[in-house]
Amino acid sequence: MEEVIINSQHHFLIRSKLLLPLPLNPLFDGAMEIKDKKITRIGRYKELKKEVNKAKFIDLEDLILMPVLTNAHLHLELSALRFRLSSTGKFTLWVRQLLKKRESLTPLDITESARIASQELLREGIGIIGEITNSALTVEILKDLPFCGYIFQEIISFKGNYTLKELKEFNPHYKITYSPHAPYTVSPLLLQAIKAYNQRRKKIFTLHCAESQEEIEFIKTGKGPIAELLKERGQWNESFAPPKVSPVKYLDTLGLLDDKTLLVHALYLEEEDFQILSKKQVGVCLCPRSNLFTGAGFPNLPKLLSHKIKVVLGTDSLASNDRLSLFEEIKTLYSFYPDTSPITLLKIATSEGATFLGFENYGTLKEGSYANFIALSTSTSLSNSIDKALEEFILSEKEIKYRFYAGFYE
């Protein structure tokens, strides 16, 4: 992969066989004018070449050009567990494996594996991230890399004995804030305190929610494998009274759901849950390949879309996934739901995620956005029909040939 840094002195006209200026419509023989690090015009090459003067012409020939991808949920510090856990078919059995294996990791194991994984993200075309950290060991790795997005300091405290301190930001491309792990690992009052902290700072509030049947059982009854695990780990809260409703309704009663809330996984939703998420404009981040590995289940993408719920995409961690590839996540969703429009899946993996996290100018291809994009080849040649070409694009093997950066380096 060749990297191209675009600075304020550059003036380019870039053409490709297939241009995916997401969220805009795809174009065969499309082109973009780039000036002062930003996209100034998008259109068909034949038209733009007549209008754009004194620009250096770059012909990407048969490559496909698209925005960087947004991985809205990942745990880089679990990268050392790649291929070290087995798929059990039961979510809590997988969690027990994770906890046991993670205890054996040294800080060096964590940082070196995370460093390798961060380079994999770049090779996979990912430019915007939602990184979850418990130890903050990945912060030093990410601070000088050309990503933007969120770094979430994850909190696990079902007893609620945690003091929130001011988190300082170190880089204009990252927003740093707190994230509760899940409704079953953080006390109700602490959930509300974290939401209030993020609300005052206009930050995203994200947590795992409705990820497993065991979670549903615990929130509704206070019993089951999750209750046993909390007691074993000294995290049981004697004052907890099960709300006896779905996790989504539980979070809603606590006043935690709005258009700055991002629920991760959301596999087990009741009909009323879909309506609540839609009404409150809550975002949902899907991690389908992780869900299959942990035995948790699989997301109901068509129903989320039919309720006009904002959907974004993540890979979760290498403890539950073998790749940090959003292209593989898209392919998996498409194999389960072949009636889903390929352009919808591509938007979910790019512009939808970038916009929800507040980095629209770095993760979309439209006039005024920074020129951050990738150019890639496919293992098979694409048809001349847009619809057919997009399907072939999703199903093909892909290789990123060029990665263009603007707004990071000068």
Protein backbone atom coordinates (compact mmCIF):
# COMPACT_ATOMS: atom_id res chain seq x y z
CA MET A 1 0.00 0.00 0.00
CA GLU A 2 1.40 3.36 -1.02
CA GLU A 3 0.60 6.37 1.15
CA VAL A 4 0.00 9.82 -0.35
CA ILE A 5 -0.01 12.88 1.91
CA ILE A 6 -2.06 15.78 0.56
CA ASN A 7 -1.08 19.25 1.80
CA SER A 8 -2.39 22.77 1.25
CA GLN A 9 -0.17 23.33 -1.82
CA HIS A 10 -1.62 20.41 -3.77
CA HIS A 11 -4.22 20.80 -6.48
CA PHE A 12 -5.33 17.47 -7.95
CA LEU A 13 -7.89 16.08 -10.32
CA ILE A 14 -8.19 12.37 -9.49
CA ARG A 15 -10.07 9.91 -11.69
CA SER A 16 -11.06 6.27 -11.12
CA LYS A 17 -13.06 3.64 -12.96
CA LEU A 18 -15.56 3.45 -10.11
CA LEU A 19 -15.95 6.31 -7.66
CA LEU A 20 -17.92 5.71 -4.45
CA PRO A 21 -18.34 9.24 -3.07
CA LEU A 22 -20.35 8.06 -0.07
CA PRO A 23 -22.87 9.17 1.02
CA LEU A 24 -23.45 10.35 -2.57
CA ASN A 25 -24.35 8.01 -5.43
CA PRO A 26 -21.66 5.90 -7.17
CA LEU A 27 -20.16 7.01 -10.48
CA PHE A 28 -18.46 5.11 -13.26
CA ASP A 29 -15.53 7.10 -14.67
CA GLY A 30 -15.82 9.54 -11.77
CA ALA A 31 -13.40 12.20 -10.62
CA MET A 32 -12.70 14.54 -7.71
CA GLU A 33 -10.99 17.90 -7.61
CA ILE A 34 -8.89 18.41 -4.49
CA LYS A 35 -7.59 21.79 -3.42
CA ASP A 36 -6.25 23.05 -0.08
CA LYS A 37 -6.58 19.50 1.36
CA LYS A 38 -10.32 19.36 0.70
CA ILE A 39 -12.65 18.03 -1.98
CA THR A 40 -13.95 20.93 -4.04
CA ARG A 41 -15.83 19.12 -6.81
CA ILE A 42 -17.12 15.62 -7.57
CA GLY A 43 -18.56 14.44 -10.87
CA ARG A 44 -17.97 12.57 -14.09
CA TYR A 45 -14.43 12.86 -15.38
CA LYS A 46 -15.46 13.99 -18.86
CA GLU A 47 -17.24 16.99 -17.37
CA LEU A 48 -14.73 17.89 -14.66
CA LYS A 49 -11.68 17.84 -16.94
CA LYS A 50 -13.26 20.68 -18.93
CA GLU A 51 -13.92 22.75 -15.80
CA VAL A 52 -10.82 22.15 -13.66
CA ASN A 53 -7.76 24.18 -14.61
CA LYS A 54 -4.10 23.86 -13.61
CA ALA A 55 -4.64 20.76 -11.49
CA LYS A 56 -2.24 17.82 -11.51
CA PHE A 57 -4.07 14.88 -13.06
CA ILE A 58 -3.90 11.48 -11.33
CA ASP A 59 -5.51 8.59 -13.18
CA LEU A 60 -6.23 5.65 -10.87
CA GLU A 61 -7.39 3.70 -13.94
CA ASP A 62 -9.29 0.53 -12.93
CA LEU A 63 -9.12 1.11 -9.19
CA ILE A 64 -12.15 1.79 -7.01
CA LEU A 65 -12.03 5.00 -5.00
CA MET A 66 -13.97 5.39 -1.74
CA PRO A 67 -13.78 7.07 1.69
CA VAL A 68 -11.88 5.50 4.58
CA LEU A 69 -13.95 3.13 6.67
CA THR A 70 -15.24 3.78 10.20
CA ASN A 71 -14.69 1.02 12.76
CA ALA A 72 -16.98 2.36 15.47
CA HIS A 73 -16.23 -0.34 18.06
CA LEU A 74 -12.96 -2.15 18.68
CA HIS A 75 -10.74 -3.25 21.57
CA LEU A 76 -7.13 -3.00 20.39
CA GLU A 77 -5.74 -4.00 23.76
CA LEU A 78 -7.24 -7.48 23.37
CA SER A 79 -5.28 -8.07 20.16
CA ALA A 80 -2.84 -10.40 21.92
CA LEU A 81 -5.70 -12.90 22.29
CA ARG A 82 -6.02 -13.48 18.55
CA PHE A 83 -6.56 -17.22 17.88
CA ARG A 84 -6.21 -17.98 21.61
CA LEU A 85 -9.90 -18.36 22.42
CA SER A 86 -12.31 -20.96 21.06
CA SER A 87 -15.89 -20.52 19.93
CA THR A 88 -18.00 -22.12 22.64
CA GLY A 89 -21.54 -21.46 21.44
CA LYS A 90 -22.34 -19.83 24.80
CA PHE A 91 -21.60 -16.17 25.45
CA THR A 92 -20.72 -16.44 29.16
CA LEU A 93 -18.41 -19.41 28.50
CA TRP A 94 -16.56 -17.23 26.00
CA VAL A 95 -16.41 -14.41 28.59
CA ARG A 96 -14.88 -16.78 31.14
CA GLN A 97 -12.22 -17.79 28.61
CA LEU A 98 -11.50 -14.12 27.90
CA LEU A 99 -11.09 -13.19 31.56
CA LYS A 100 -8.75 -16.11 32.23
CA LYS A 101 -6.56 -15.51 29.17
CA ARG A 102 -6.41 -11.75 29.67
CA GLU A 103 -5.01 -12.16 33.18
CA SER A 104 -1.94 -13.85 31.68
CA LEU A 105 -1.10 -10.91 29.39
CA THR A 106 1.77 -8.59 30.25
CA PRO A 107 1.78 -4.88 29.34
CA LEU A 108 4.36 -5.71 26.66
CA ASP A 109 2.06 -8.41 25.21
CA ILE A 110 -0.76 -5.88 25.05
CA THR A 111 1.19 -2.99 23.53
CA GLU A 112 3.11 -4.97 20.92
CA SER A 113 0.00 -6.81 19.70
CA ALA A 114 -1.99 -3.57 19.66
CA ARG A 115 0.77 -1.89 17.65
CA ILE A 116 0.60 -4.66 15.03
CA ALA A 117 -3.20 -4.50 15.00
CA SER A 118 -3.17 -0.72 14.49
CA GLN A 119 -1.12 -1.21 11.33
CA GLU A 120 -3.66 -3.80 10.21
CA LEU A 121 -6.38 -1.18 10.61
CA LEU A 122 -4.49 1.10 8.24
CA ARG A 123 -4.04 -1.69 5.68
CA GLU A 124 -7.76 -2.47 5.93
CA GLY A 125 -8.63 1.11 4.98
CA ILE A 126 -9.98 2.12 8.38
CA GLY A 127 -9.58 5.81 9.17
CA ILE A 128 -12.06 6.53 11.96
CA ILE A 129 -12.25 4.46 15.12
CA GLY A 130 -14.14 3.97 18.36
CA GLU A 131 -11.45 2.40 20.53
CA ILE A 132 -12.40 0.92 23.90
CA THR A 133 -9.60 0.76 26.46
CA ASN A 134 -9.38 -0.42 30.06
CA SER A 135 -5.66 0.11 30.64
CA ALA A 136 -5.02 3.16 28.37
CA LEU A 137 -2.01 1.30 26.96
CA THR A 138 -3.25 1.85 23.41
CA VAL A 139 -3.36 5.65 23.76
CA GLU A 140 0.39 6.04 23.23
CA ILE A 141 0.18 3.86 20.11
CA LEU A 142 -2.72 5.75 18.55
CA LYS A 143 -1.72 9.33 19.29
CA ASP A 144 0.69 9.68 16.37
CA LEU A 145 -1.18 7.55 13.82
CA PRO A 146 -3.43 9.06 11.11
CA PHE A 147 -6.72 8.03 12.67
CA CYS A 148 -9.44 10.15 14.15
CA GLY A 149 -12.35 9.18 16.34
CA TYR A 150 -13.03 8.29 19.95
CA ILE A 151 -10.96 6.68 22.68
CA PHE A 152 -13.35 5.42 25.34
CA GLN A 153 -12.08 4.70 28.85
CA GLU A 154 -14.23 1.70 29.75
CA ILE A 155 -15.63 1.37 33.25
CA ILE A 156 -16.63 -1.90 34.91
CA SER A 157 -18.07 -1.42 38.40
CA PHE A 158 -21.38 -3.04 39.25
CA LYS A 159 -20.91 -1.91 42.84
CA GLY A 160 -20.66 1.66 41.55
CA ASN A 161 -17.57 2.64 43.54
CA TYR A 162 -15.82 4.59 40.81
CA THR A 163 -14.89 8.29 40.78
CA LEU A 164 -15.00 10.07 37.44
CA LYS A 165 -12.06 12.38 36.86
CA GLU A 166 -11.54 14.85 34.05
CA LEU A 167 -10.01 13.13 31.00
CA LYS A 168 -7.66 15.39 29.07
CA GLU A 169 -7.47 15.28 25.29
CA PHE A 170 -4.02 15.19 23.71
CA ASN A 171 -4.74 15.38 19.99
CA PRO A 172 -7.39 17.32 18.00
CA HIS A 173 -8.24 14.19 16.02
CA TYR A 174 -9.39 12.19 19.05
CA LYS A 175 -12.22 12.71 21.50
CA ILE A 176 -11.64 11.02 24.85
CA THR A 177 -14.37 10.14 27.31
CA TYR A 178 -15.81 7.42 29.54
CA SER A 179 -17.81 4.40 28.46
CA PRO A 180 -19.67 1.98 30.75
CA HIS A 181 -19.13 -1.64 29.76
CA ALA A 182 -22.75 -2.87 29.94
CA PRO A 183 -26.01 -2.56 31.89
CA TYR A 184 -25.01 -5.65 33.90
CA THR A 185 -21.49 -4.55 34.87
CA VAL A 186 -22.11 -0.92 35.89
CA SER A 187 -24.49 0.24 38.62
CA PRO A 188 -27.54 2.32 37.68
CA LEU A 189 -26.26 5.46 39.42
CA LEU A 190 -22.84 5.16 37.80
CA LEU A 191 -24.46 4.68 34.38
CA GLN A 192 -26.29 7.95 34.91
CA ALA A 193 -23.15 9.71 36.16
CA ILE A 194 -21.20 8.67 33.06
CA LYS A 195 -24.04 9.81 30.81
CA ALA A 196 -24.12 13.18 32.57
CA TYR A 197 -20.32 13.54 32.21
CA ASN A 198 -20.54 12.86 28.47
CA GLN A 199 -23.62 15.02 28.01
CA ARG A 200 -21.93 18.07 29.53
CA ARG A 201 -19.01 17.61 27.13
CA LYS A 202 -21.19 16.77 24.12
CA LYS A 203 -19.59 13.33 23.74
CA ILE A 204 -20.95 10.00 22.54
CA PHE A 205 -22.20 7.63 25.26
CA THR A 206 -21.63 4.03 24.21
CA LEU A 207 -22.01 0.63 25.87
CA HIS A 208 -22.63 -3.03 25.07
CA CYS A 209 -26.37 -3.74 25.25
CA ALA A 210 -28.73 -6.66 24.56
CA GLU A 211 -25.75 -8.75 23.46
CA SER A 212 -26.81 -12.14 24.83
CA GLN A 213 -29.67 -14.18 26.19
CA GLU A 214 -27.82 -14.30 29.50
CA GLU A 215 -27.97 -10.50 29.68
CA ILE A 216 -31.72 -10.53 29.05
CA GLU A 217 -32.17 -13.10 31.82
CA PHE A 218 -30.11 -11.06 34.28
CA ILE A 219 -31.82 -7.71 33.63
CA LYS A 220 -35.24 -9.30 33.90
CA THR A 221 -34.64 -11.62 36.88
CA GLY A 222 -31.31 -10.74 38.49
CA LYS A 223 -30.30 -14.39 38.14
CA GLY A 224 -28.42 -16.68 35.79
CA PRO A 225 -24.82 -17.06 34.60
CA ILE A 226 -24.10 -13.31 34.70
CA ALA A 227 -25.19 -13.05 38.34
CA GLU A 228 -22.93 -16.00 39.18
CA LEU A 229 -20.00 -14.37 37.39
CA LEU A 230 -20.48 -11.05 39.18
CA LYS A 231 -20.50 -12.80 42.56
CA GLU A 232 -17.39 -14.81 41.71
CA ARG A 233 -15.50 -11.65 40.78
CA GLY A 234 -16.56 -9.74 43.88
CA GLN A 235 -18.74 -7.35 41.90
CA TRP A 236 -22.17 -8.26 43.22
CA ASN A 237 -24.30 -5.30 44.26
CA GLU A 238 -26.73 -6.27 47.04
CA SER A 239 -28.85 -3.18 46.40
CA PHE A 240 -29.51 -4.08 42.75
CA ALA A 241 -33.16 -4.76 42.02
CA PRO A 242 -33.74 -6.29 38.57
CA PRO A 243 -35.87 -3.87 36.52
CA LYS A 244 -37.75 -6.83 34.95
CA VAL A 245 -37.75 -5.22 31.50
CA SER A 246 -35.56 -5.44 28.42
CA PRO A 247 -32.06 -3.86 28.61
CA VAL A 248 -33.18 -1.12 26.20
CA LYS A 249 -36.21 -0.25 28.34
CA TYR A 250 -34.02 -0.33 31.43
CA LEU A 251 -31.60 2.18 29.92
CA ASP A 252 -34.54 4.30 28.80
CA THR A 253 -35.98 4.45 32.32
CA LEU A 254 -32.59 5.71 33.50
CA GLY A 255 -32.74 8.54 30.95
CA LEU A 256 -29.72 7.33 28.99
CA LEU A 257 -31.08 7.10 25.45
CA ASP A 258 -30.80 9.95 22.94
CA ASP A 259 -29.14 10.81 19.63
CA LYS A 260 -25.69 10.79 21.30
CA THR A 261 -26.08 7.20 22.55
CA LEU A 262 -24.52 4.28 20.68
CA LEU A 263 -25.56 0.77 21.71
CA VAL A 264 -23.16 -1.98 20.67
CA HIS A 265 -24.51 -5.35 19.42
CA ALA A 266 -28.26 -4.97 20.22
CA LEU A 267 -29.06 -8.55 19.18
CA TYR A 268 -32.04 -9.21 21.43
CA LEU A 269 -34.60 -6.47 20.92
CA GLU A 270 -38.31 -6.57 21.60
CA GLU A 271 -40.77 -4.82 19.30
CA GLU A 272 -41.08 -1.90 21.68
CA ASP A 273 -37.28 -1.65 21.84
CA PHE A 274 -37.11 -0.94 18.11
CA GLN A 275 -39.68 1.81 18.54
CA ILE A 276 -37.80 3.37 21.47
CA LEU A 277 -34.48 3.36 19.59
CA SER A 278 -36.10 4.92 16.55
CA LYS A 279 -37.93 7.60 18.51
CA LYS A 280 -34.88 8.54 20.59
CA GLN A 281 -32.60 8.45 17.48
CA VAL A 282 -30.22 6.05 19.23
CA GLY A 283 -27.40 4.57 17.14
CA VAL A 284 -26.65 0.85 17.00
CA CYS A 285 -23.20 -0.55 16.24
CA LEU A 286 -23.21 -4.06 14.79
CA CYS A 287 -20.27 -6.47 15.13
CA PRO A 288 -21.69 -9.52 13.30
CA ARG A 289 -18.59 -11.69 12.97
CA SER A 290 -17.78 -11.26 16.66
CA ASN A 291 -21.35 -12.22 17.58
CA LEU A 292 -21.08 -15.43 15.59
CA PHE A 293 -17.80 -16.35 17.25
CA THR A 294 -18.96 -15.74 20.82
CA GLY A 295 -22.19 -17.64 20.24
CA ALA A 296 -24.23 -14.58 21.19
CA GLY A 297 -26.41 -14.55 18.06
CA PHE A 298 -26.80 -12.36 14.99
CA PRO A 299 -28.21 -8.84 14.51
CA ASN A 300 -31.54 -8.22 12.80
CA LEU A 301 -30.30 -5.65 10.29
CA PRO A 302 -33.46 -5.52 8.12
CA LYS A 303 -35.63 -4.69 11.11
CA LEU A 304 -33.23 -2.02 12.36
CA LEU A 305 -33.26 -0.42 8.92
CA SER A 306 -37.05 -0.69 8.57
CA HIS A 307 -37.39 1.28 11.81
CA LYS A 308 -34.96 3.89 10.44
CA ILE A 309 -32.52 3.26 13.28
CA LYS A 310 -29.02 4.63 12.71
CA VAL A 311 -26.70 1.66 12.10
CA VAL A 312 -22.90 1.72 12.13
CA LEU A 313 -20.32 -1.07 12.07
CA GLY A 314 -17.44 -2.40 14.17
CA THR A 315 -15.18 -5.42 14.35
CA ASP A 316 -15.00 -5.73 18.16
CA SER A 317 -11.73 -7.33 19.25
CA LEU A 318 -9.33 -9.96 17.96
CA ALA A 319 -10.38 -12.04 20.95
CA SER A 320 -13.63 -12.68 19.08
CA ASN A 321 -12.63 -12.00 15.48
CA ASP A 322 -9.81 -13.11 13.20
CA ARG A 323 -9.61 -9.85 11.24
CA LEU A 324 -10.14 -6.13 11.76
CA SER A 325 -11.80 -5.85 8.37
CA LEU A 326 -15.06 -4.00 7.84
CA PHE A 327 -15.15 -5.46 4.34
CA GLU A 328 -15.50 -8.90 5.94
CA GLU A 329 -18.25 -7.60 8.26
CA ILE A 330 -20.13 -6.24 5.23
CA LYS A 331 -19.73 -9.53 3.37
CA THR A 332 -21.08 -11.45 6.39
CA LEU A 333 -24.12 -9.20 6.70
CA TYR A 334 -24.78 -9.53 2.98
CA SER A 335 -24.57 -13.33 3.15
CA PHE A 336 -27.27 -13.35 5.85
CA TYR A 337 -29.38 -10.60 4.27
CA PRO A 338 -28.86 -10.70 0.48
CA ASP A 339 -31.85 -8.42 -0.07
CA THR A 340 -30.00 -5.57 1.62
CA SER A 341 -28.79 -2.95 -0.83
CA PRO A 342 -24.98 -3.08 -1.25
CA ILE A 343 -24.84 0.71 -1.20
CA THR A 344 -26.61 0.67 2.20
CA LEU A 345 -23.96 -1.67 3.59
CA LEU A 346 -21.15 0.48 2.22
CA LYS A 347 -22.67 3.60 3.78
CA ILE A 348 -22.99 1.84 7.14
CA ALA A 349 -19.28 1.04 7.03
CA THR A 350 -18.21 4.54 5.99
CA SER A 351 -20.26 7.73 5.98
CA GLU A 352 -22.90 6.63 8.52
CA GLY A 353 -20.29 5.75 11.12
CA ALA A 354 -18.19 8.84 10.46
CA THR A 355 -21.22 11.12 10.76
CA PHE A 356 -22.53 9.50 13.94
CA LEU A 357 -19.16 9.83 15.68
CA GLY A 358 -18.89 13.46 14.58
CA PHE A 359 -16.09 13.07 12.03
CA GLU A 360 -18.10 13.57 8.86
CA ASN A 361 -15.43 15.79 7.30
CA TYR A 362 -12.85 12.99 7.59
CA GLY A 363 -14.99 10.00 6.61
CA THR A 364 -17.14 11.08 3.67
CA LEU A 365 -16.40 12.03 0.08
CA LYS A 366 -18.32 15.20 -0.67
CA GLU A 367 -17.57 18.84 -1.28
CA GLY A 368 -15.91 20.37 1.76
CA SER A 369 -14.64 17.09 3.24
CA TYR A 370 -10.95 16.42 3.81
CA ALA A 371 -9.39 14.29 1.08
CA ASN A 372 -9.07 11.12 3.14
CA PHE A 373 -9.76 8.13 0.95
CA ILE A 374 -8.53 4.80 -0.32
CA ALA A 375 -8.04 3.35 -3.80
CA LEU A 376 -8.34 -0.41 -4.11
CA SER A 377 -8.40 -3.27 -6.57
CA THR A 378 -10.70 -6.31 -6.61
CA SER A 379 -9.96 -9.97 -7.29
CA THR A 380 -12.54 -10.00 -10.10
CA SER A 381 -13.37 -7.38 -12.71
CA LEU A 382 -16.60 -5.51 -12.11
CA SER A 383 -19.66 -5.38 -14.36
CA ASN A 384 -20.78 -2.28 -16.21
CA SER A 385 -24.02 -2.11 -14.25
CA ILE A 386 -23.73 -0.12 -11.00
CA ASP A 387 -25.99 -2.45 -9.00
CA LYS A 388 -24.19 -5.57 -10.19
CA ALA A 389 -20.76 -3.97 -9.77
CA LEU A 390 -21.51 -3.04 -6.14
CA GLU A 391 -22.59 -6.60 -5.35
CA GLU A 392 -19.43 -7.96 -6.99
CA PHE A 393 -17.38 -5.40 -5.07
CA ILE A 394 -18.78 -6.54 -1.72
CA LEU A 395 -18.20 -10.23 -2.45
CA SER A 396 -14.73 -9.90 -4.00
CA GLU A 397 -11.34 -9.97 -2.31
CA LYS A 398 -9.93 -6.45 -2.09
CA GLU A 399 -6.46 -4.96 -1.87
CA ILE A 400 -5.81 -1.35 -0.97
CA LYS A 401 -3.24 0.09 -3.36
CA TYR A 402 -3.19 3.74 -2.26
CA ARG A 403 -4.18 5.58 0.87
CA PHE A 404 -4.57 9.36 0.69
CA TYR A 405 -4.32 11.52 3.81
CA ALA A 406 -5.32 15.14 4.32
CA GLY A 407 -5.74 17.06 7.54
CA PHE A 408 -3.22 15.00 9.53
CA TYR A 409 0.19 15.97 8.21
CA GLU A 410 1.46 19.24 6.75
